[in-house]
Amino acid sequence: MLKQPFYFAASTGVLLIYLLRQAILNFMGSTVAEAPTASVTDKLENGSQISEKKVTVVLVLGGPGSGKGTQCANIVEHFGFTHLSAGDLLRAKIKSGTMIQNMIEEGTIVPSEVTINLLQRAMQENENDKFVIDEFPRNEENRAALENVTKIEPAFVLFFNCSEEEMENRLLNRNQVKEWEGGMVTTYIRKRVKVFIESSLPVIEYYQAKGKVHEIDAGRPREEVFETIKGIFQAFAKESSETGNDVDNCVNGIKEVHID
């Protein structure tokens, strides 16, 4: 008499586990249309590549208000790079109404792999092969995941070093926060700066140890800052030419990913 209810319960449990597994796979961007070939995850784990694209990646790191966005726009205009902002990609994904929005609303940290998959897809879909990435990696876990998943090592890193006071003043002058109450804004800004110092400085130290960091005094006027950046990019292009390494092919290839 107990067999039928037990069987029903077991079947329901199996179904729920299957549905949960599928939801997780869809969320992590690892599922592909059914085919006789292996899944994307299997291919990455086995070291095989679905497609390969040689890219040059420059990372831009710095605290809030250090001028990263302004200078990334200059790099795009003068050196032909495509700017990828991890924050913008996540915000665009949220607007599309996905599980990422639910995670953020519930206060859950978005996994590194989600941001990395968005960056990979953006690089694969863009015709360019030179990218400047800002707002990622934010911490050591992000950095390790970026290298482990994509096998990408940046050509170099721009570190926008700016005093806490200067960053706070710049953020206070931005239009989107002018209407906030002063105390609330100051508390929020100082929290963001503190998070950057605690989380991102270890990433900068990691790349410094590898000789890849160009530290820039970002407290100067933006025109002076860009003159320094121009010199860095011009020297890099010259070095790549002299060593016979094309600028566009100095970084490992990225693997194609699928994101639902």
C-alpha atoms as a PDB file:
ATOM      1  CA  MET A   1       0.000   0.000   0.000  1.00  0.00           C
ATOM      2  CA  LEU A   2       2.982   2.348   0.555  1.00  0.00           C
ATOM      3  CA  LYS A   3       4.655   1.665  -2.763  1.00  0.00           C
ATOM      4  CA  GLN A   4       2.554   4.040  -4.872  1.00  0.00           C
ATOM      5  CA  PRO A   5       2.891   7.145  -2.647  1.00  0.00           C
ATOM      6  CA  PHE A   6       6.617   6.429  -2.212  1.00  0.00           C
ATOM      7  CA  TYR A   7       7.057   6.052  -5.963  1.00  0.00           C
ATOM      8  CA  PHE A   8       5.161   9.289  -6.585  1.00  0.00           C
ATOM      9  CA  ALA A   9       7.246  11.173  -4.047  1.00  0.00           C
ATOM     10  CA  ALA A  10      10.476   9.778  -5.458  1.00  0.00           C
ATOM     11  CA  SER A  11       9.438  10.675  -9.008  1.00  0.00           C
ATOM     12  CA  THR A  12       8.546  14.191  -7.923  1.00  0.00           C
ATOM     13  CA  GLY A  13      11.910  14.540  -6.211  1.00  0.00           C
ATOM     14  CA  VAL A  14      13.766  13.418  -9.295  1.00  0.00           C
ATOM     15  CA  LEU A  15      11.798  15.854 -11.425  1.00  0.00           C
ATOM     16  CA  LEU A  16      12.567  18.744  -9.081  1.00  0.00           C
ATOM     17  CA  ILE A  17      16.264  17.893  -9.068  1.00  0.00           C
ATOM     18  CA  TYR A  18      16.278  17.764 -12.872  1.00  0.00           C
ATOM     19  CA  LEU A  19      14.496  21.126 -13.166  1.00  0.00           C
ATOM     20  CA  LEU A  20      16.844  22.708 -10.635  1.00  0.00           C
ATOM     21  CA  ARG A  21      19.870  21.399 -12.524  1.00  0.00           C
ATOM     22  CA  GLN A  22      18.570  22.782 -15.799  1.00  0.00           C
ATOM     23  CA  ALA A  23      17.887  26.176 -14.218  1.00  0.00           C
ATOM     24  CA  ILE A  24      21.421  26.333 -12.855  1.00  0.00           C
ATOM     25  CA  LEU A  25      22.937  25.376 -16.202  1.00  0.00           C
ATOM     26  CA  ASN A  26      20.854  27.971 -18.017  1.00  0.00           C
ATOM     27  CA  PHE A  27      21.829  30.600 -15.491  1.00  0.00           C
ATOM     28  CA  MET A  28      25.538  29.927 -15.696  1.00  0.00           C
ATOM     29  CA  GLY A  29      25.467  30.121 -19.471  1.00  0.00           C
ATOM     30  CA  SER A  30      26.642  26.578 -19.984  1.00  0.00           C
ATOM     31  CA  THR A  31      23.790  25.027 -21.890  1.00  0.00           C
ATOM     32  CA  VAL A  32      23.599  24.740 -25.655  1.00  0.00           C
ATOM     33  CA  ALA A  33      21.050  23.403 -28.051  1.00  0.00           C
ATOM     34  CA  GLU A  34      20.817  19.618 -27.995  1.00  0.00           C
ATOM     35  CA  ALA A  35      23.270  18.037 -30.393  1.00  0.00           C
ATOM     36  CA  PRO A  36      25.326  14.877 -30.661  1.00  0.00           C
ATOM     37  CA  THR A  37      28.425  16.852 -29.621  1.00  0.00           C
ATOM     38  CA  ALA A  38      29.637  17.418 -26.056  1.00  0.00           C
ATOM     39  CA  SER A  39      28.416  20.367 -23.998  1.00  0.00           C
ATOM     40  CA  VAL A  40      30.333  23.646 -23.725  1.00  0.00           C
ATOM     41  CA  THR A  41      31.358  22.812 -20.168  1.00  0.00           C
ATOM     42  CA  ASP A  42      32.706  19.398 -21.196  1.00  0.00           C
ATOM     43  CA  LYS A  43      34.741  20.910 -24.012  1.00  0.00           C
ATOM     44  CA  LEU A  44      36.278  23.560 -21.770  1.00  0.00           C
ATOM     45  CA  GLU A  45      37.142  20.976 -19.110  1.00  0.00           C
ATOM     46  CA  ASN A  46      38.752  18.716 -21.702  1.00  0.00           C
ATOM     47  CA  GLY A  47      40.862  21.591 -22.997  1.00  0.00           C
ATOM     48  CA  SER A  48      39.319  21.616 -26.468  1.00  0.00           C
ATOM     49  CA  GLN A  49      38.179  24.841 -28.049  1.00  0.00           C
ATOM     50  CA  ILE A  50      34.919  25.538 -29.796  1.00  0.00           C
ATOM     51  CA  SER A  51      36.371  28.583 -31.459  1.00  0.00           C
ATOM     52  CA  GLU A  52      39.408  30.716 -30.814  1.00  0.00           C
ATOM     53  CA  LYS A  53      39.898  34.412 -31.167  1.00  0.00           C
ATOM     54  CA  LYS A  54      43.197  36.091 -30.461  1.00  0.00           C
ATOM     55  CA  VAL A  55      42.679  39.198 -28.376  1.00  0.00           C
ATOM     56  CA  THR A  56      44.643  41.948 -26.679  1.00  0.00           C
ATOM     57  CA  VAL A  57      43.253  42.855 -23.265  1.00  0.00           C
ATOM     58  CA  VAL A  58      44.151  45.844 -21.119  1.00  0.00           C
ATOM     59  CA  LEU A  59      42.704  46.042 -17.622  1.00  0.00           C
ATOM     60  CA  VAL A  60      41.827  49.408 -16.088  1.00  0.00           C
ATOM     61  CA  LEU A  61      41.703  49.411 -12.294  1.00  0.00           C
ATOM     62  CA  GLY A  62      41.043  52.260  -9.912  1.00  0.00           C
ATOM     63  CA  GLY A  63      38.695  53.443  -7.234  1.00  0.00           C
ATOM     64  CA  PRO A  64      35.305  55.086  -7.816  1.00  0.00           C
ATOM     65  CA  GLY A  65      35.757  58.562  -9.226  1.00  0.00           C
ATOM     66  CA  SER A  66      39.340  57.959 -10.335  1.00  0.00           C
ATOM     67  CA  GLY A  67      38.466  58.754 -13.962  1.00  0.00           C
ATOM     68  CA  LYS A  68      38.465  55.266 -15.493  1.00  0.00           C
ATOM     69  CA  GLY A  69      35.380  55.817 -17.659  1.00  0.00           C
ATOM     70  CA  THR A  70      36.636  59.104 -19.108  1.00  0.00           C
ATOM     71  CA  GLN A  71      40.021  57.674 -20.028  1.00  0.00           C
ATOM     72  CA  CYS A  72      38.577  54.451 -21.433  1.00  0.00           C
ATOM     73  CA  ALA A  73      36.595  56.606 -23.859  1.00  0.00           C
ATOM     74  CA  ASN A  74      39.840  58.336 -24.889  1.00  0.00           C
ATOM     75  CA  ILE A  75      41.564  54.985 -25.390  1.00  0.00           C
ATOM     76  CA  VAL A  76      38.703  53.834 -27.624  1.00  0.00           C
ATOM     77  CA  GLU A  77      38.892  57.001 -29.708  1.00  0.00           C
ATOM     78  CA  HIS A  78      42.660  57.188 -30.111  1.00  0.00           C
ATOM     79  CA  PHE A  79      43.800  53.571 -30.126  1.00  0.00           C
ATOM     80  CA  GLY A  80      40.912  51.610 -31.619  1.00  0.00           C
ATOM     81  CA  PHE A  81      40.126  49.494 -28.568  1.00  0.00           C
ATOM     82  CA  THR A  82      36.624  48.413 -27.599  1.00  0.00           C
ATOM     83  CA  HIS A  83      35.623  49.348 -24.061  1.00  0.00           C
ATOM     84  CA  LEU A  84      33.934  46.641 -22.003  1.00  0.00           C
ATOM     85  CA  SER A  85      32.551  47.693 -18.639  1.00  0.00           C
ATOM     86  CA  ALA A  86      31.696  44.742 -16.396  1.00  0.00           C
ATOM     87  CA  GLY A  87      29.200  46.902 -14.539  1.00  0.00           C
ATOM     88  CA  ASP A  88      27.442  47.984 -17.738  1.00  0.00           C
ATOM     89  CA  LEU A  89      27.227  44.392 -18.980  1.00  0.00           C
ATOM     90  CA  LEU A  90      25.645  43.249 -15.709  1.00  0.00           C
ATOM     91  CA  ARG A  91      23.207  46.163 -15.691  1.00  0.00           C
ATOM     92  CA  ALA A  92      22.181  45.356 -19.275  1.00  0.00           C
ATOM     93  CA  LYS A  93      21.641  41.727 -18.297  1.00  0.00           C
ATOM     94  CA  ILE A  94      19.498  42.825 -15.360  1.00  0.00           C
ATOM     95  CA  LYS A  95      17.273  44.893 -17.651  1.00  0.00           C
ATOM     96  CA  SER A  96      16.609  41.789 -19.739  1.00  0.00           C
ATOM     97  CA  GLY A  97      14.914  40.255 -16.699  1.00  0.00           C
ATOM     98  CA  THR A  98      17.100  37.337 -15.642  1.00  0.00           C
ATOM     99  CA  MET A  99      17.993  35.423 -12.516  1.00  0.00           C
ATOM    100  CA  ILE A 100      20.866  37.874 -12.013  1.00  0.00           C
ATOM    101  CA  GLN A 101      18.339  40.545 -11.079  1.00  0.00           C
ATOM    102  CA  ASN A 102      16.778  38.232  -8.526  1.00  0.00           C
ATOM    103  CA  MET A 103      20.177  37.499  -7.014  1.00  0.00           C
ATOM    104  CA  ILE A 104      21.032  41.175  -6.654  1.00  0.00           C
ATOM    105  CA  GLU A 105      17.625  42.034  -5.229  1.00  0.00           C
ATOM    106  CA  GLU A 106      18.076  39.293  -2.647  1.00  0.00           C
ATOM    107  CA  GLY A 107      21.529  40.582  -1.748  1.00  0.00           C
ATOM    108  CA  THR A 108      23.328  37.585  -3.220  1.00  0.00           C
ATOM    109  CA  ILE A 109      26.773  38.134  -4.730  1.00  0.00           C
ATOM    110  CA  VAL A 110      26.803  37.523  -8.477  1.00  0.00           C
ATOM    111  CA  PRO A 111      29.301  34.687  -9.167  1.00  0.00           C
ATOM    112  CA  SER A 112      32.504  35.617 -10.991  1.00  0.00           C
ATOM    113  CA  GLU A 113      31.645  33.158 -13.750  1.00  0.00           C
ATOM    114  CA  VAL A 114      28.526  35.141 -14.645  1.00  0.00           C
ATOM    115  CA  THR A 115      30.494  38.340 -15.271  1.00  0.00           C
ATOM    116  CA  ILE A 116      33.244  36.425 -17.048  1.00  0.00           C
ATOM    117  CA  ASN A 117      30.732  34.768 -19.372  1.00  0.00           C
ATOM    118  CA  LEU A 118      29.268  38.175 -20.221  1.00  0.00           C
ATOM    119  CA  LEU A 119      32.741  39.513 -21.003  1.00  0.00           C
ATOM    120  CA  GLN A 120      33.582  36.458 -23.115  1.00  0.00           C
ATOM    121  CA  ARG A 121      30.412  36.761 -25.113  1.00  0.00           C
ATOM    122  CA  ALA A 122      30.982  40.472 -25.690  1.00  0.00           C
ATOM    123  CA  MET A 123      34.497  39.787 -26.987  1.00  0.00           C
ATOM    124  CA  GLN A 124      33.356  36.935 -29.211  1.00  0.00           C
ATOM    125  CA  GLU A 125      30.522  38.939 -30.758  1.00  0.00           C
ATOM    126  CA  ASN A 126      32.614  42.068 -31.358  1.00  0.00           C
ATOM    127  CA  GLU A 127      34.589  42.299 -34.600  1.00  0.00           C
ATOM    128  CA  ASN A 128      37.427  44.017 -32.784  1.00  0.00           C
ATOM    129  CA  ASP A 129      40.245  42.059 -31.154  1.00  0.00           C
ATOM    130  CA  LYS A 130      41.521  44.777 -28.811  1.00  0.00           C
ATOM    131  CA  PHE A 131      39.640  45.367 -25.565  1.00  0.00           C
ATOM    132  CA  VAL A 132      40.015  47.607 -22.566  1.00  0.00           C
ATOM    133  CA  ILE A 133      38.119  46.227 -19.562  1.00  0.00           C
ATOM    134  CA  ASP A 134      37.246  48.153 -16.432  1.00  0.00           C
ATOM    135  CA  GLU A 135      35.342  47.308 -13.237  1.00  0.00           C
ATOM    136  CA  PHE A 136      36.743  43.779 -13.328  1.00  0.00           C
ATOM    137  CA  PRO A 137      38.412  41.976 -11.662  1.00  0.00           C
ATOM    138  CA  ARG A 138      37.293  43.568  -8.410  1.00  0.00           C
ATOM    139  CA  ASN A 139      38.991  41.120  -6.064  1.00  0.00           C
ATOM    140  CA  GLU A 140      41.371  38.171  -5.999  1.00  0.00           C
ATOM    141  CA  GLU A 141      38.583  35.647  -6.499  1.00  0.00           C
ATOM    142  CA  ASN A 142      37.502  37.525  -9.646  1.00  0.00           C
ATOM    143  CA  ARG A 143      41.078  37.654 -10.869  1.00  0.00           C
ATOM    144  CA  ALA A 144      41.737  33.948 -10.347  1.00  0.00           C
ATOM    145  CA  ALA A 145      38.445  33.011 -12.014  1.00  0.00           C
ATOM    146  CA  LEU A 146      39.176  35.250 -14.998  1.00  0.00           C
ATOM    147  CA  GLU A 147      42.515  33.552 -15.605  1.00  0.00           C
ATOM    148  CA  ASN A 148      41.278  30.026 -14.934  1.00  0.00           C
ATOM    149  CA  VAL A 149      38.177  30.262 -17.114  1.00  0.00           C
ATOM    150  CA  THR A 150      39.412  32.341 -20.064  1.00  0.00           C
ATOM    151  CA  LYS A 151      43.182  31.683 -19.865  1.00  0.00           C
ATOM    152  CA  ILE A 152      43.544  35.382 -20.634  1.00  0.00           C
ATOM    153  CA  GLU A 153      46.437  37.325 -19.190  1.00  0.00           C
ATOM    154  CA  PRO A 154      46.290  41.089 -19.733  1.00  0.00           C
ATOM    155  CA  ALA A 155      48.899  42.752 -21.890  1.00  0.00           C
ATOM    156  CA  PHE A 156      49.215  45.299 -19.090  1.00  0.00           C
ATOM    157  CA  VAL A 157      47.197  46.977 -16.342  1.00  0.00           C
ATOM    158  CA  LEU A 158      46.483  50.668 -15.866  1.00  0.00           C
ATOM    159  CA  PHE A 159      46.133  51.552 -12.190  1.00  0.00           C
ATOM    160  CA  PHE A 160      44.469  54.921 -11.640  1.00  0.00           C
ATOM    161  CA  ASN A 161      45.897  55.977  -8.299  1.00  0.00           C
ATOM    162  CA  CYS A 162      43.807  58.739  -6.791  1.00  0.00           C
ATOM    163  CA  SER A 163      43.544  60.006  -3.218  1.00  0.00           C
ATOM    164  CA  GLU A 164      40.446  59.156  -1.207  1.00  0.00           C
ATOM    165  CA  GLU A 165      39.699  62.851  -0.772  1.00  0.00           C
ATOM    166  CA  GLU A 166      39.861  63.525  -4.514  1.00  0.00           C
ATOM    167  CA  MET A 167      37.638  60.554  -5.352  1.00  0.00           C
ATOM    168  CA  GLU A 168      35.109  61.651  -2.742  1.00  0.00           C
ATOM    169  CA  ASN A 169      35.022  65.209  -4.107  1.00  0.00           C
ATOM    170  CA  ARG A 170      34.550  64.008  -7.679  1.00  0.00           C
ATOM    171  CA  LEU A 171      31.734  61.665  -6.758  1.00  0.00           C
ATOM    172  CA  LEU A 172      29.999  64.353  -4.712  1.00  0.00           C
ATOM    173  CA  ASN A 173      29.981  66.598  -7.786  1.00  0.00           C
ATOM    174  CA  ARG A 174      28.339  64.047 -10.045  1.00  0.00           C
ATOM    175  CA  ASN A 175      24.789  64.918 -11.072  1.00  0.00           C
ATOM    176  CA  GLN A 176      23.255  61.618 -10.015  1.00  0.00           C
ATOM    177  CA  VAL A 177      24.125  62.154  -6.352  1.00  0.00           C
ATOM    178  CA  LYS A 178      23.588  65.889  -5.979  1.00  0.00           C
ATOM    179  CA  GLU A 179      20.006  65.439  -4.852  1.00  0.00           C
ATOM    180  CA  TRP A 180      20.879  62.983  -2.101  1.00  0.00           C
ATOM    181  CA  GLU A 181      21.229  64.167   1.447  1.00  0.00           C
ATOM    182  CA  GLY A 182      24.851  65.047   2.110  1.00  0.00           C
ATOM    183  CA  GLY A 183      25.471  62.638   4.978  1.00  0.00           C
ATOM    184  CA  MET A 184      24.006  59.708   3.068  1.00  0.00           C
ATOM    185  CA  VAL A 185      26.126  60.425   0.014  1.00  0.00           C
ATOM    186  CA  THR A 186      29.344  60.763   1.985  1.00  0.00           C
ATOM    187  CA  THR A 187      28.730  57.500   3.829  1.00  0.00           C
ATOM    188  CA  TYR A 188      27.980  55.664   0.585  1.00  0.00           C
ATOM    189  CA  ILE A 189      31.031  57.056  -1.197  1.00  0.00           C
ATOM    190  CA  ARG A 190      33.396  56.263   1.659  1.00  0.00           C
ATOM    191  CA  LYS A 191      32.056  52.725   1.772  1.00  0.00           C
ATOM    192  CA  ARG A 192      32.743  52.257  -1.947  1.00  0.00           C
ATOM    193  CA  VAL A 193      36.270  53.591  -1.571  1.00  0.00           C
ATOM    194  CA  LYS A 194      36.897  51.325   1.411  1.00  0.00           C
ATOM    195  CA  VAL A 195      35.676  48.283  -0.520  1.00  0.00           C
ATOM    196  CA  PHE A 196      38.017  49.136  -3.392  1.00  0.00           C
ATOM    197  CA  ILE A 197      41.031  49.483  -1.103  1.00  0.00           C
ATOM    198  CA  GLU A 198      40.328  46.238   0.734  1.00  0.00           C
ATOM    199  CA  SER A 199      39.310  44.134  -2.276  1.00  0.00           C
ATOM    200  CA  SER A 200      41.089  45.487  -5.338  1.00  0.00           C
ATOM    201  CA  LEU A 201      44.535  46.434  -4.063  1.00  0.00           C
ATOM    202  CA  PRO A 202      45.550  42.758  -3.746  1.00  0.00           C
ATOM    203  CA  VAL A 203      44.725  42.375  -7.459  1.00  0.00           C
ATOM    204  CA  ILE A 204      46.961  45.325  -8.303  1.00  0.00           C
ATOM    205  CA  GLU A 205      49.747  43.918  -6.143  1.00  0.00           C
ATOM    206  CA  TYR A 206      49.438  40.577  -7.945  1.00  0.00           C
ATOM    207  CA  TYR A 207      49.938  42.187 -11.362  1.00  0.00           C
ATOM    208  CA  GLN A 208      52.675  44.467 -10.019  1.00  0.00           C
ATOM    209  CA  ALA A 209      54.644  41.374  -9.036  1.00  0.00           C
ATOM    210  CA  LYS A 210      54.403  40.274 -12.682  1.00  0.00           C
ATOM    211  CA  GLY A 211      55.637  43.645 -13.941  1.00  0.00           C
ATOM    212  CA  LYS A 212      52.383  44.465 -15.715  1.00  0.00           C
ATOM    213  CA  VAL A 213      51.129  47.529 -13.808  1.00  0.00           C
ATOM    214  CA  HIS A 214      51.451  51.115 -15.016  1.00  0.00           C
ATOM    215  CA  GLU A 215      50.546  53.341 -12.080  1.00  0.00           C
ATOM    216  CA  ILE A 216      49.024  56.647 -13.096  1.00  0.00           C
ATOM    217  CA  ASP A 217      48.573  59.739 -10.953  1.00  0.00           C
ATOM    218  CA  ALA A 218      44.855  60.129 -11.590  1.00  0.00           C
ATOM    219  CA  GLY A 219      44.503  63.188  -9.362  1.00  0.00           C
ATOM    220  CA  ARG A 220      45.793  65.426 -12.155  1.00  0.00           C
ATOM    221  CA  PRO A 221      43.626  67.117 -14.820  1.00  0.00           C
ATOM    222  CA  ARG A 222      42.203  64.602 -17.307  1.00  0.00           C
ATOM    223  CA  GLU A 223      44.249  66.005 -20.200  1.00  0.00           C
ATOM    224  CA  GLU A 224      47.501  65.369 -18.330  1.00  0.00           C
ATOM    225  CA  VAL A 225      46.365  61.901 -17.338  1.00  0.00           C
ATOM    226  CA  PHE A 226      45.670  60.990 -20.945  1.00  0.00           C
ATOM    227  CA  GLU A 227      49.077  62.232 -22.075  1.00  0.00           C
ATOM    228  CA  THR A 228      50.595  59.673 -19.707  1.00  0.00           C
ATOM    229  CA  ILE A 229      48.276  56.966 -21.040  1.00  0.00           C
ATOM    230  CA  LYS A 230      49.204  57.808 -24.627  1.00  0.00           C
ATOM    231  CA  GLY A 231      52.851  57.315 -23.813  1.00  0.00           C
ATOM    232  CA  ILE A 232      52.126  53.893 -22.292  1.00  0.00           C
ATOM    233  CA  PHE A 233      50.143  52.686 -25.309  1.00  0.00           C
ATOM    234  CA  GLN A 234      52.670  54.042 -27.792  1.00  0.00           C
ATOM    235  CA  ALA A 235      55.544  52.347 -25.964  1.00  0.00           C
ATOM    236  CA  PHE A 236      53.619  49.086 -25.851  1.00  0.00           C
ATOM    237  CA  ALA A 237      52.878  49.227 -29.586  1.00  0.00           C
ATOM    238  CA  LYS A 238      56.541  49.950 -30.345  1.00  0.00           C
ATOM    239  CA  GLU A 239      57.750  47.092 -28.137  1.00  0.00           C
ATOM    240  CA  SER A 240      55.281  44.677 -29.729  1.00  0.00           C
ATOM    241  CA  SER A 241      56.479  45.699 -33.182  1.00  0.00           C
ATOM    242  CA  GLU A 242      60.153  45.303 -32.295  1.00  0.00           C
ATOM    243  CA  THR A 243      59.669  41.862 -30.766  1.00  0.00           C
ATOM    244  CA  GLY A 244      57.615  40.700 -33.731  1.00  0.00           C
ATOM    245  CA  ASN A 245      54.485  40.215 -31.667  1.00  0.00           C
ATOM    246  CA  ASP A 246      51.516  41.855 -33.262  1.00  0.00           C
ATOM    247  CA  VAL A 247      49.602  43.961 -30.731  1.00  0.00           C
ATOM    248  CA  ASP A 248      46.423  42.213 -31.716  1.00  0.00           C
ATOM    249  CA  ASN A 249      47.802  38.768 -30.963  1.00  0.00           C
ATOM    250  CA  CYS A 250      49.753  39.140 -27.724  1.00  0.00           C
ATOM    251  CA  VAL A 251      47.144  37.505 -25.508  1.00  0.00           C
ATOM    252  CA  ASN A 252      45.823  33.953 -25.398  1.00  0.00           C
ATOM    253  CA  GLY A 253      42.681  33.115 -27.316  1.00  0.00           C
ATOM    254  CA  ILE A 254      39.292  33.151 -25.643  1.00  0.00           C
ATOM    255  CA  LYS A 255      36.822  30.325 -25.937  1.00  0.00           C
ATOM    256  CA  GLU A 256      33.320  30.751 -27.213  1.00  0.00           C
ATOM    257  CA  VAL A 257      30.601  30.623 -24.578  1.00  0.00           C
ATOM    258  CA  HIS A 258      26.825  30.455 -24.798  1.00  0.00           C
ATOM    259  CA  ILE A 259      24.628  32.575 -22.589  1.00  0.00           C
ATOM    260  CA  ASP A 260      20.858  32.238 -22.554  1.00  0.00           C
END
